[in-house]
């Protein structure tokens, strides 16, 4: 039965999910990763910027970041460093508009953009002739990763062998109701900056007159995310983009780790039934961890997600 027990325990001074979420995100520093940037042209004549960290391997880890993140986030850098130390190349891709430069089209990115992950996988596969590819996704990137693996599993390249995802809102609608206004407001600040850039690039096509930083995600997604990406409304966007419905279709060994005290995740994001139905899908729900947190030795820069991903993907246990 692929529901697995967890041995993760945070340091005593990280005594709740908010601390486990906020402190690593604000204060963690990861040194020793040097990127080489490459720009990929997408099938719709847009671009995606990807950052390589190569050590001369025939195996590659592809990383997908969280909402309003990028390849420079500590949780991405920590995973890159961990796998580089183990002799694995890494590629961290930046979603459209997340690489420091607005993309060319009116659309940017959304939490179901598995088509862009597919472009990245095929580009990496063809460029360097890797014989083994691993996928890791965090939060929004975890949803994209799981959706990619399960929506059309027969089209996933044979080189993609295993995957792991952490802190994933697999039910988007439920999670938009769970996340607090404190966290939502932080995301809204950067999202509106990107919309303002789009407004300048596409005059007359975006109305920001009544935009509010106090909006909920359903309000933002109904007004902007859904119509910009071809969805009728927020409900259709959530229904079509949530990865939960695809979990039972996944055909490669895949691990999902969602902490029970994650302040972003609703109860619908703990897929015990789906794990019981699919021998390829492993679900772990530690009591602690927060959202994209999982500190173990904060002062020593040790994080559970990195060791857990390496153990699962490289089949150490």
C-alpha atoms as a PDB file:
ATOM      1  CA  UNK A   1       0.000   0.000   0.000  1.00  0.00           C
ATOM      2  CA  UNK A   2       1.730   3.224  -1.194  1.00  0.00           C
ATOM      3  CA  UNK A   3       0.652   5.364   1.774  1.00  0.00           C
ATOM      4  CA  UNK A   4       3.985   5.614   3.544  1.00  0.00           C
ATOM      5  CA  UNK A   5       4.864   6.518   7.117  1.00  0.00           C
ATOM      6  CA  UNK A   6       6.984   9.590   7.722  1.00  0.00           C
ATOM      7  CA  UNK A   7       9.877  10.014  10.124  1.00  0.00           C
ATOM      8  CA  UNK A   8      10.185  13.783   9.674  1.00  0.00           C
ATOM      9  CA  UNK A   9      10.379  15.919  12.811  1.00  0.00           C
ATOM     10  CA  UNK A  10      11.284  19.614  12.821  1.00  0.00           C
ATOM     11  CA  UNK A  11      13.602  21.250  15.359  1.00  0.00           C
ATOM     12  CA  UNK A  12      11.759  22.085  18.604  1.00  0.00           C
ATOM     13  CA  UNK A  13      11.913  25.817  17.919  1.00  0.00           C
ATOM     14  CA  UNK A  14       9.879  25.408  14.715  1.00  0.00           C
ATOM     15  CA  UNK A  15       6.767  24.654  16.709  1.00  0.00           C
ATOM     16  CA  UNK A  16       4.010  25.358  14.155  1.00  0.00           C
ATOM     17  CA  UNK A  17       3.287  25.276  10.449  1.00  0.00           C
ATOM     18  CA  UNK A  18       3.563  29.029   9.977  1.00  0.00           C
ATOM     19  CA  UNK A  19       7.102  29.154  11.373  1.00  0.00           C
ATOM     20  CA  UNK A  20       8.040  26.107   9.313  1.00  0.00           C
ATOM     21  CA  UNK A  21       6.722  27.915   6.227  1.00  0.00           C
ATOM     22  CA  UNK A  22       7.921  31.484   6.739  1.00  0.00           C
ATOM     23  CA  UNK A  23      11.376  31.215   8.311  1.00  0.00           C
ATOM     24  CA  UNK A  24      12.989  28.973   5.650  1.00  0.00           C
ATOM     25  CA  UNK A  25      11.465  31.093   2.891  1.00  0.00           C
ATOM     26  CA  UNK A  26      12.761  34.359   4.312  1.00  0.00           C
ATOM     27  CA  UNK A  27      16.084  33.434   5.844  1.00  0.00           C
ATOM     28  CA  UNK A  28      17.491  30.330   4.195  1.00  0.00           C
ATOM     29  CA  UNK A  29      20.628  30.920   2.085  1.00  0.00           C
ATOM     30  CA  UNK A  30      22.026  28.340  -0.318  1.00  0.00           C
ATOM     31  CA  UNK A  31      25.515  28.793  -1.718  1.00  0.00           C
ATOM     32  CA  UNK A  32      27.506  26.895  -4.298  1.00  0.00           C
ATOM     33  CA  UNK A  33      25.009  26.694  -7.176  1.00  0.00           C
ATOM     34  CA  UNK A  34      26.072  28.296 -10.459  1.00  0.00           C
ATOM     35  CA  UNK A  35      23.517  28.463 -13.241  1.00  0.00           C
ATOM     36  CA  UNK A  36      23.850  28.705 -16.995  1.00  0.00           C
ATOM     37  CA  UNK A  37      20.725  30.227 -18.505  1.00  0.00           C
ATOM     38  CA  UNK A  38      19.139  29.105 -21.750  1.00  0.00           C
ATOM     39  CA  UNK A  39      16.036  30.402 -23.490  1.00  0.00           C
ATOM     40  CA  UNK A  40      13.603  27.882 -24.956  1.00  0.00           C
ATOM     41  CA  UNK A  41      11.235  28.924 -27.743  1.00  0.00           C
ATOM     42  CA  UNK A  42       7.779  27.481 -27.107  1.00  0.00           C
ATOM     43  CA  UNK A  43       5.423  26.068 -29.770  1.00  0.00           C
ATOM     44  CA  UNK A  44       3.344  29.277 -29.590  1.00  0.00           C
ATOM     45  CA  UNK A  45       6.438  31.431 -30.294  1.00  0.00           C
ATOM     46  CA  UNK A  46       6.865  32.578 -26.710  1.00  0.00           C
ATOM     47  CA  UNK A  47       9.833  31.746 -24.483  1.00  0.00           C
ATOM     48  CA  UNK A  48      10.749  29.948 -21.262  1.00  0.00           C
ATOM     49  CA  UNK A  49      14.033  30.644 -19.477  1.00  0.00           C
ATOM     50  CA  UNK A  50      15.688  27.612 -17.924  1.00  0.00           C
ATOM     51  CA  UNK A  51      18.715  27.472 -15.648  1.00  0.00           C
ATOM     52  CA  UNK A  52      21.176  24.590 -15.912  1.00  0.00           C
ATOM     53  CA  UNK A  53      23.558  23.320 -13.243  1.00  0.00           C
ATOM     54  CA  UNK A  54      25.613  20.611 -14.899  1.00  0.00           C
ATOM     55  CA  UNK A  55      28.110  18.174 -13.421  1.00  0.00           C
ATOM     56  CA  UNK A  56      28.574  16.014 -16.518  1.00  0.00           C
ATOM     57  CA  UNK A  57      25.899  13.408 -15.839  1.00  0.00           C
ATOM     58  CA  UNK A  58      23.687  11.266 -18.063  1.00  0.00           C
ATOM     59  CA  UNK A  59      20.910  11.785 -15.506  1.00  0.00           C
ATOM     60  CA  UNK A  60      18.945  15.005 -15.073  1.00  0.00           C
ATOM     61  CA  UNK A  61      16.695  16.479 -12.394  1.00  0.00           C
ATOM     62  CA  UNK A  62      14.060  18.940 -13.671  1.00  0.00           C
ATOM     63  CA  UNK A  63      12.634  21.261 -11.004  1.00  0.00           C
ATOM     64  CA  UNK A  64       9.366  23.205 -11.018  1.00  0.00           C
ATOM     65  CA  UNK A  65       8.990  26.085  -8.538  1.00  0.00           C
ATOM     66  CA  UNK A  66       5.998  27.401  -6.628  1.00  0.00           C
ATOM     67  CA  UNK A  67       3.576  30.252  -7.254  1.00  0.00           C
ATOM     68  CA  UNK A  68       5.422  33.503  -7.959  1.00  0.00           C
ATOM     69  CA  UNK A  69       8.729  31.710  -7.434  1.00  0.00           C
ATOM     70  CA  UNK A  70      11.706  31.216  -9.716  1.00  0.00           C
ATOM     71  CA  UNK A  71      14.847  29.140 -10.084  1.00  0.00           C
ATOM     72  CA  UNK A  72      16.601  31.192  -7.405  1.00  0.00           C
ATOM     73  CA  UNK A  73      14.337  30.283  -4.516  1.00  0.00           C
ATOM     74  CA  UNK A  74      16.142  28.569  -1.619  1.00  0.00           C
ATOM     75  CA  UNK A  75      14.081  25.387  -1.871  1.00  0.00           C
ATOM     76  CA  UNK A  76      15.046  25.067  -5.555  1.00  0.00           C
ATOM     77  CA  UNK A  77      18.711  25.868  -4.978  1.00  0.00           C
ATOM     78  CA  UNK A  78      18.877  23.422  -2.086  1.00  0.00           C
ATOM     79  CA  UNK A  79      17.518  20.607  -4.239  1.00  0.00           C
ATOM     80  CA  UNK A  80      19.848  21.489  -7.116  1.00  0.00           C
ATOM     81  CA  UNK A  81      22.837  21.430  -4.798  1.00  0.00           C
ATOM     82  CA  UNK A  82      21.772  18.116  -3.249  1.00  0.00           C
ATOM     83  CA  UNK A  83      21.510  16.355  -6.603  1.00  0.00           C
ATOM     84  CA  UNK A  84      24.644  17.964  -8.021  1.00  0.00           C
ATOM     85  CA  UNK A  85      26.521  16.573  -5.021  1.00  0.00           C
ATOM     86  CA  UNK A  86      25.161  13.161  -5.944  1.00  0.00           C
ATOM     87  CA  UNK A  87      26.420  13.498  -9.510  1.00  0.00           C
ATOM     88  CA  UNK A  88      23.121  14.488 -11.159  1.00  0.00           C
ATOM     89  CA  UNK A  89      22.662  17.421 -13.556  1.00  0.00           C
ATOM     90  CA  UNK A  90      19.837  19.831 -12.731  1.00  0.00           C
ATOM     91  CA  UNK A  91      17.577  22.106 -14.753  1.00  0.00           C
ATOM     92  CA  UNK A  92      15.343  24.598 -12.954  1.00  0.00           C
ATOM     93  CA  UNK A  93      12.807  26.207 -15.261  1.00  0.00           C
ATOM     94  CA  UNK A  94      11.175  29.587 -14.747  1.00  0.00           C
ATOM     95  CA  UNK A  95       7.525  29.873 -15.677  1.00  0.00           C
ATOM     96  CA  UNK A  96       6.513  32.459 -18.251  1.00  0.00           C
ATOM     97  CA  UNK A  97       7.059  35.912 -16.677  1.00  0.00           C
ATOM     98  CA  UNK A  98       9.001  34.471 -13.700  1.00  0.00           C
ATOM     99  CA  UNK A  99      12.563  34.798 -15.035  1.00  0.00           C
ATOM    100  CA  UNK A 100      12.864  38.555 -14.535  1.00  0.00           C
ATOM    101  CA  UNK A 101      11.480  39.470 -17.945  1.00  0.00           C
ATOM    102  CA  UNK A 102       7.841  39.494 -19.097  1.00  0.00           C
ATOM    103  CA  UNK A 103       7.008  36.912 -21.723  1.00  0.00           C
ATOM    104  CA  UNK A 104       5.847  37.918 -25.191  1.00  0.00           C
ATOM    105  CA  UNK A 105       2.195  36.885 -25.046  1.00  0.00           C
ATOM    106  CA  UNK A 106      -0.778  38.191 -23.112  1.00  0.00           C
ATOM    107  CA  UNK A 107      -0.950  34.865 -21.270  1.00  0.00           C
ATOM    108  CA  UNK A 108       1.701  34.122 -18.672  1.00  0.00           C
ATOM    109  CA  UNK A 109       1.510  31.015 -16.470  1.00  0.00           C
ATOM    110  CA  UNK A 110      -1.044  29.135 -14.428  1.00  0.00           C
ATOM    111  CA  UNK A 111      -1.111  26.159 -12.071  1.00  0.00           C
ATOM    112  CA  UNK A 112      -2.124  23.676 -14.740  1.00  0.00           C
ATOM    113  CA  UNK A 113       0.483  24.623 -17.361  1.00  0.00           C
ATOM    114  CA  UNK A 114       1.712  21.097 -17.979  1.00  0.00           C
ATOM    115  CA  UNK A 115       2.198  21.958 -21.645  1.00  0.00           C
ATOM    116  CA  UNK A 116       5.132  24.154 -20.682  1.00  0.00           C
ATOM    117  CA  UNK A 117       6.653  21.423 -18.522  1.00  0.00           C
ATOM    118  CA  UNK A 118       6.279  19.096 -21.490  1.00  0.00           C
ATOM    119  CA  UNK A 119       8.210  21.576 -23.653  1.00  0.00           C
ATOM    120  CA  UNK A 120      10.991  21.733 -21.067  1.00  0.00           C
ATOM    121  CA  UNK A 121      11.206  17.939 -20.729  1.00  0.00           C
ATOM    122  CA  UNK A 122      11.383  17.373 -24.479  1.00  0.00           C
ATOM    123  CA  UNK A 123      13.936  20.136 -24.928  1.00  0.00           C
ATOM    124  CA  UNK A 124      16.210  18.737 -22.220  1.00  0.00           C
ATOM    125  CA  UNK A 125      15.757  15.184 -23.478  1.00  0.00           C
ATOM    126  CA  UNK A 126      16.775  16.098 -27.005  1.00  0.00           C
ATOM    127  CA  UNK A 127      19.531  18.517 -26.132  1.00  0.00           C
ATOM    128  CA  UNK A 128      21.782  16.371 -23.989  1.00  0.00           C
ATOM    129  CA  UNK A 129      20.575  12.801 -24.638  1.00  0.00           C
ATOM    130  CA  UNK A 130      19.890  12.032 -20.997  1.00  0.00           C
ATOM    131  CA  UNK A 131      18.994   8.427 -20.342  1.00  0.00           C
ATOM    132  CA  UNK A 132      17.294   9.179 -17.007  1.00  0.00           C
ATOM    133  CA  UNK A 133      15.172  12.174 -16.048  1.00  0.00           C
ATOM    134  CA  UNK A 134      13.708  12.848 -12.614  1.00  0.00           C
ATOM    135  CA  UNK A 135      11.033  15.438 -11.870  1.00  0.00           C
ATOM    136  CA  UNK A 136      10.593  17.438  -8.656  1.00  0.00           C
ATOM    137  CA  UNK A 137       7.881  20.037  -8.087  1.00  0.00           C
ATOM    138  CA  UNK A 138       7.031  22.330  -5.197  1.00  0.00           C
ATOM    139  CA  UNK A 139       3.541  23.649  -4.463  1.00  0.00           C
ATOM    140  CA  UNK A 140       2.208  25.035  -7.787  1.00  0.00           C
ATOM    141  CA  UNK A 141       5.076  23.259  -9.545  1.00  0.00           C
ATOM    142  CA  UNK A 142       4.083  20.042  -7.841  1.00  0.00           C
ATOM    143  CA  UNK A 143       0.559  20.392  -9.215  1.00  0.00           C
ATOM    144  CA  UNK A 144       1.942  20.978 -12.699  1.00  0.00           C
ATOM    145  CA  UNK A 145       4.244  17.969 -12.338  1.00  0.00           C
ATOM    146  CA  UNK A 146       1.555  15.576 -11.100  1.00  0.00           C
ATOM    147  CA  UNK A 147      -0.901  16.761 -13.747  1.00  0.00           C
ATOM    148  CA  UNK A 148       1.743  16.285 -16.441  1.00  0.00           C
ATOM    149  CA  UNK A 149       2.420  12.720 -15.330  1.00  0.00           C
ATOM    150  CA  UNK A 150      -1.219  11.687 -15.055  1.00  0.00           C
ATOM    151  CA  UNK A 151      -3.184  13.499 -17.751  1.00  0.00           C
ATOM    152  CA  UNK A 152      -1.526  11.690 -20.682  1.00  0.00           C
ATOM    153  CA  UNK A 153       0.820   9.116 -19.138  1.00  0.00           C
ATOM    154  CA  UNK A 154       1.483   7.337 -22.432  1.00  0.00           C
ATOM    155  CA  UNK A 155       2.997  10.547 -23.829  1.00  0.00           C
ATOM    156  CA  UNK A 156       5.504  11.019 -21.012  1.00  0.00           C
ATOM    157  CA  UNK A 157       8.959  10.224 -22.455  1.00  0.00           C
ATOM    158  CA  UNK A 158      10.434   6.903 -21.399  1.00  0.00           C
ATOM    159  CA  UNK A 159      13.475   8.691 -19.977  1.00  0.00           C
ATOM    160  CA  UNK A 160      11.296  10.146 -17.189  1.00  0.00           C
ATOM    161  CA  UNK A 161      11.745   7.474 -14.540  1.00  0.00           C
ATOM    162  CA  UNK A 162      10.580   8.839 -11.178  1.00  0.00           C
ATOM    163  CA  UNK A 163       9.110  11.990  -9.619  1.00  0.00           C
ATOM    164  CA  UNK A 164       8.558  13.689  -6.268  1.00  0.00           C
ATOM    165  CA  UNK A 165       6.365  16.615  -5.248  1.00  0.00           C
ATOM    166  CA  UNK A 166       6.105  18.602  -2.046  1.00  0.00           C
ATOM    167  CA  UNK A 167       3.375  20.784  -0.499  1.00  0.00           C
ATOM    168  CA  UNK A 168       1.008  20.450  -3.440  1.00  0.00           C
ATOM    169  CA  UNK A 169      -2.517  21.943  -3.640  1.00  0.00           C
ATOM    170  CA  UNK A 170      -3.825  19.040  -5.693  1.00  0.00           C
ATOM    171  CA  UNK A 171      -7.386  20.385  -5.273  1.00  0.00           C
ATOM    172  CA  UNK A 172      -7.045  24.012  -6.326  1.00  0.00           C
ATOM    173  CA  UNK A 173     -10.555  25.184  -5.505  1.00  0.00           C
ATOM    174  CA  UNK A 174     -10.473  23.740  -1.993  1.00  0.00           C
ATOM    175  CA  UNK A 175      -7.053  25.216  -1.295  1.00  0.00           C
ATOM    176  CA  UNK A 176      -8.010  28.709  -2.439  1.00  0.00           C
ATOM    177  CA  UNK A 177     -10.575  28.664   0.373  1.00  0.00           C
ATOM    178  CA  UNK A 178      -8.023  27.469   2.940  1.00  0.00           C
ATOM    179  CA  UNK A 179      -5.155  29.902   2.345  1.00  0.00           C
ATOM    180  CA  UNK A 180      -5.298  32.943   4.613  1.00  0.00           C
ATOM    181  CA  UNK A 181      -5.436  36.579   3.484  1.00  0.00           C
ATOM    182  CA  UNK A 182      -1.970  37.173   4.936  1.00  0.00           C
ATOM    183  CA  UNK A 183      -0.388  34.787   2.439  1.00  0.00           C
ATOM    184  CA  UNK A 184      -2.742  35.730  -0.383  1.00  0.00           C
ATOM    185  CA  UNK A 185      -1.878  39.429  -0.124  1.00  0.00           C
ATOM    186  CA  UNK A 186       1.832  38.620  -0.534  1.00  0.00           C
ATOM    187  CA  UNK A 187       1.155  36.831  -3.809  1.00  0.00           C
ATOM    188  CA  UNK A 188      -1.210  39.538  -5.031  1.00  0.00           C
ATOM    189  CA  UNK A 189       1.513  42.174  -4.785  1.00  0.00           C
ATOM    190  CA  UNK A 190       3.757  40.478  -7.338  1.00  0.00           C
ATOM    191  CA  UNK A 191       0.901  39.261  -9.512  1.00  0.00           C
ATOM    192  CA  UNK A 192      -0.401  42.797  -9.986  1.00  0.00           C
ATOM    193  CA  UNK A 193       3.100  43.973 -10.919  1.00  0.00           C
ATOM    194  CA  UNK A 194       3.102  41.430 -13.729  1.00  0.00           C
ATOM    195  CA  UNK A 195      -0.353  42.484 -14.831  1.00  0.00           C
ATOM    196  CA  UNK A 196       0.804  46.088 -14.951  1.00  0.00           C
ATOM    197  CA  UNK A 197       3.666  45.030 -17.241  1.00  0.00           C
ATOM    198  CA  UNK A 198       1.161  43.192 -19.432  1.00  0.00           C
ATOM    199  CA  UNK A 199      -1.067  46.239 -19.569  1.00  0.00           C
ATOM    200  CA  UNK A 200       1.799  48.305 -20.945  1.00  0.00           C
ATOM    201  CA  UNK A 201       2.695  45.614 -23.493  1.00  0.00           C
ATOM    202  CA  UNK A 202      -0.916  45.054 -24.566  1.00  0.00           C
ATOM    203  CA  UNK A 203      -2.749  48.401 -24.343  1.00  0.00           C
ATOM    204  CA  UNK A 204      -6.502  48.150 -24.007  1.00  0.00           C
ATOM    205  CA  UNK A 205      -6.524  44.401 -23.291  1.00  0.00           C
ATOM    206  CA  UNK A 206      -6.351  44.447 -19.477  1.00  0.00           C
ATOM    207  CA  UNK A 207      -8.514  46.425 -17.083  1.00  0.00           C
ATOM    208  CA  UNK A 208      -6.833  46.967 -13.704  1.00  0.00           C
ATOM    209  CA  UNK A 209      -9.028  49.837 -12.535  1.00  0.00           C
ATOM    210  CA  UNK A 210     -10.665  48.015  -9.629  1.00  0.00           C
ATOM    211  CA  UNK A 211      -7.869  45.599  -8.817  1.00  0.00           C
ATOM    212  CA  UNK A 212      -7.455  45.074  -5.072  1.00  0.00           C
ATOM    213  CA  UNK A 213      -4.671  43.497  -3.026  1.00  0.00           C
ATOM    214  CA  UNK A 214      -7.387  42.221  -0.708  1.00  0.00           C
ATOM    215  CA  UNK A 215      -8.902  40.005  -3.390  1.00  0.00           C
ATOM    216  CA  UNK A 216      -9.131  36.276  -2.802  1.00  0.00           C
ATOM    217  CA  UNK A 217      -7.626  33.867  -5.309  1.00  0.00           C
ATOM    218  CA  UNK A 218     -11.067  32.979  -6.751  1.00  0.00           C
ATOM    219  CA  UNK A 219     -11.667  36.679  -7.422  1.00  0.00           C
ATOM    220  CA  UNK A 220      -8.256  37.110  -9.072  1.00  0.00           C
ATOM    221  CA  UNK A 221      -8.484  33.898 -11.052  1.00  0.00           C
ATOM    222  CA  UNK A 222     -12.012  34.615 -12.249  1.00  0.00           C
ATOM    223  CA  UNK A 223     -11.020  38.102 -13.419  1.00  0.00           C
ATOM    224  CA  UNK A 224      -7.587  37.386 -14.894  1.00  0.00           C
ATOM    225  CA  UNK A 225      -6.096  33.870 -14.753  1.00  0.00           C
ATOM    226  CA  UNK A 226      -9.066  32.069 -16.275  1.00  0.00           C
ATOM    227  CA  UNK A 227      -9.802  34.323 -19.279  1.00  0.00           C
ATOM    228  CA  UNK A 228      -6.124  34.917 -20.072  1.00  0.00           C
ATOM    229  CA  UNK A 229      -5.546  31.173 -20.357  1.00  0.00           C
ATOM    230  CA  UNK A 230      -8.672  30.022 -22.148  1.00  0.00           C
ATOM    231  CA  UNK A 231     -10.913  29.049 -19.236  1.00  0.00           C
ATOM    232  CA  UNK A 232     -14.521  30.196 -18.896  1.00  0.00           C
ATOM    233  CA  UNK A 233     -14.143  31.149 -15.236  1.00  0.00           C
ATOM    234  CA  UNK A 234     -12.238  30.293 -12.075  1.00  0.00           C
ATOM    235  CA  UNK A 235     -14.304  27.174 -11.406  1.00  0.00           C
ATOM    236  CA  UNK A 236     -13.457  25.727 -14.826  1.00  0.00           C
ATOM    237  CA  UNK A 237      -9.800  26.654 -14.344  1.00  0.00           C
ATOM    238  CA  UNK A 238      -9.660  24.861 -11.000  1.00  0.00           C
ATOM    239  CA  UNK A 239     -11.582  21.834 -12.279  1.00  0.00           C
ATOM    240  CA  UNK A 240      -9.400  21.305 -15.326  1.00  0.00           C
ATOM    241  CA  UNK A 241      -6.073  22.190 -13.710  1.00  0.00           C
ATOM    242  CA  UNK A 242      -6.224  20.342 -10.388  1.00  0.00           C
ATOM    243  CA  UNK A 243      -3.914  17.330 -10.417  1.00  0.00           C
ATOM    244  CA  UNK A 244      -5.941  15.223  -7.969  1.00  0.00           C
ATOM    245  CA  UNK A 245      -8.104  13.787 -10.735  1.00  0.00           C
ATOM    246  CA  UNK A 246      -5.012  12.459 -12.552  1.00  0.00           C
ATOM    247  CA  UNK A 247      -3.195  10.764  -9.670  1.00  0.00           C
ATOM    248  CA  UNK A 248      -4.583   7.294 -10.321  1.00  0.00           C
ATOM    249  CA  UNK A 249      -3.285   7.435 -13.922  1.00  0.00           C
ATOM    250  CA  UNK A 250       0.382   8.009 -13.051  1.00  0.00           C
ATOM    251  CA  UNK A 251       2.547   5.209 -14.414  1.00  0.00           C
ATOM    252  CA  UNK A 252       5.976   5.915 -12.914  1.00  0.00           C
ATOM    253  CA  UNK A 253       6.950   5.801  -9.224  1.00  0.00           C
ATOM    254  CA  UNK A 254       5.887   9.168  -7.828  1.00  0.00           C
ATOM    255  CA  UNK A 255       5.997  10.513  -4.281  1.00  0.00           C
ATOM    256  CA  UNK A 256       3.797  13.266  -2.850  1.00  0.00           C
ATOM    257  CA  UNK A 257       4.696  14.748   0.553  1.00  0.00           C
ATOM    258  CA  UNK A 258       2.090  17.071   2.088  1.00  0.00           C
ATOM    259  CA  UNK A 259       2.493  18.121   5.701  1.00  0.00           C
ATOM    260  CA  UNK A 260      -0.617  17.890   7.833  1.00  0.00           C
ATOM    261  CA  UNK A 261      -0.014  21.374   9.257  1.00  0.00           C
ATOM    262  CA  UNK A 262       0.462  23.033   5.857  1.00  0.00           C
ATOM    263  CA  UNK A 263      -1.386  26.381   6.067  1.00  0.00           C
ATOM    264  CA  UNK A 264      -2.059  26.368   2.319  1.00  0.00           C
ATOM    265  CA  UNK A 265      -3.683  22.956   1.933  1.00  0.00           C
ATOM    266  CA  UNK A 266      -7.304  21.915   2.407  1.00  0.00           C
ATOM    267  CA  UNK A 267      -8.294  18.436   3.605  1.00  0.00           C
ATOM    268  CA  UNK A 268      -8.947  17.453  -0.013  1.00  0.00           C
ATOM    269  CA  UNK A 269      -5.177  17.634  -0.632  1.00  0.00           C
ATOM    270  CA  UNK A 270      -4.389  14.443   1.293  1.00  0.00           C
ATOM    271  CA  UNK A 271      -5.089  11.718  -1.299  1.00  0.00           C
ATOM    272  CA  UNK A 272      -5.052   8.501   0.705  1.00  0.00           C
ATOM    273  CA  UNK A 273      -7.673   6.839  -1.482  1.00  0.00           C
ATOM    274  CA  UNK A 274      -5.781   7.645  -4.676  1.00  0.00           C
ATOM    275  CA  UNK A 275      -2.559   6.237  -3.226  1.00  0.00           C
ATOM    276  CA  UNK A 276      -4.360   3.047  -2.274  1.00  0.00           C
ATOM    277  CA  UNK A 277      -5.646   2.705  -5.841  1.00  0.00           C
ATOM    278  CA  UNK A 278      -2.356   3.288  -7.691  1.00  0.00           C
ATOM    279  CA  UNK A 279       0.748   1.212  -6.861  1.00  0.00           C
ATOM    280  CA  UNK A 280       2.919   3.853  -8.584  1.00  0.00           C
ATOM    281  CA  UNK A 281       1.694   6.748  -6.444  1.00  0.00           C
ATOM    282  CA  UNK A 282       3.179   7.117  -2.956  1.00  0.00           C
ATOM    283  CA  UNK A 283       1.711   9.531  -0.438  1.00  0.00           C
ATOM    284  CA  UNK A 284       3.414  10.720   2.738  1.00  0.00           C
ATOM    285  CA  UNK A 285       1.746  13.061   5.241  1.00  0.00           C
ATOM    286  CA  UNK A 286       4.122  14.050   8.059  1.00  0.00           C
ATOM    287  CA  UNK A 287       2.481  15.798  10.987  1.00  0.00           C
ATOM    288  CA  UNK A 288       4.839  18.763  10.620  1.00  0.00           C
ATOM    289  CA  UNK A 289       6.575  20.599   7.800  1.00  0.00           C
ATOM    290  CA  UNK A 290       4.518  23.645   6.879  1.00  0.00           C
ATOM    291  CA  UNK A 291       4.363  24.731   3.260  1.00  0.00           C
ATOM    292  CA  UNK A 292       7.595  24.111   1.305  1.00  0.00           C
ATOM    293  CA  UNK A 293       9.380  24.152   4.646  1.00  0.00           C
ATOM    294  CA  UNK A 294      10.539  20.866   6.199  1.00  0.00           C
ATOM    295  CA  UNK A 295      13.550  22.235   8.126  1.00  0.00           C
ATOM    296  CA  UNK A 296      15.599  19.593   9.936  1.00  0.00           C
ATOM    297  CA  UNK A 297      18.825  21.332  10.854  1.00  0.00           C
ATOM    298  CA  UNK A 298      18.085  24.974  10.153  1.00  0.00           C
ATOM    299  CA  UNK A 299      21.450  26.241  11.373  1.00  0.00           C
ATOM    300  CA  UNK A 300      23.223  23.567   9.330  1.00  0.00           C
ATOM    301  CA  UNK A 301      21.049  24.122   6.228  1.00  0.00           C
ATOM    302  CA  UNK A 302      19.588  20.606   6.339  1.00  0.00           C
ATOM    303  CA  UNK A 303      16.101  20.100   4.921  1.00  0.00           C
ATOM    304  CA  UNK A 304      14.005  16.969   4.847  1.00  0.00           C
ATOM    305  CA  UNK A 305      12.620  17.508   1.342  1.00  0.00           C
ATOM    306  CA  UNK A 306      16.067  17.240  -0.234  1.00  0.00           C
ATOM    307  CA  UNK A 307      17.079  14.045   1.536  1.00  0.00           C
ATOM    308  CA  UNK A 308      13.626  12.534   0.977  1.00  0.00           C
ATOM    309  CA  UNK A 309      13.611  13.340  -2.732  1.00  0.00           C
ATOM    310  CA  UNK A 310      17.099  11.900  -3.202  1.00  0.00           C
ATOM    311  CA  UNK A 311      16.218   8.732  -1.293  1.00  0.00           C
ATOM    312  CA  UNK A 312      13.041   8.175  -3.319  1.00  0.00           C
ATOM    313  CA  UNK A 313      14.243   9.185  -6.761  1.00  0.00           C
ATOM    314  CA  UNK A 314      17.583   7.409  -6.496  1.00  0.00           C
ATOM    315  CA  UNK A 315      15.891   4.437  -4.792  1.00  0.00           C
ATOM    316  CA  UNK A 316      18.040   4.551  -1.684  1.00  0.00           C
ATOM    317  CA  UNK A 317      14.975   3.503   0.338  1.00  0.00           C
END
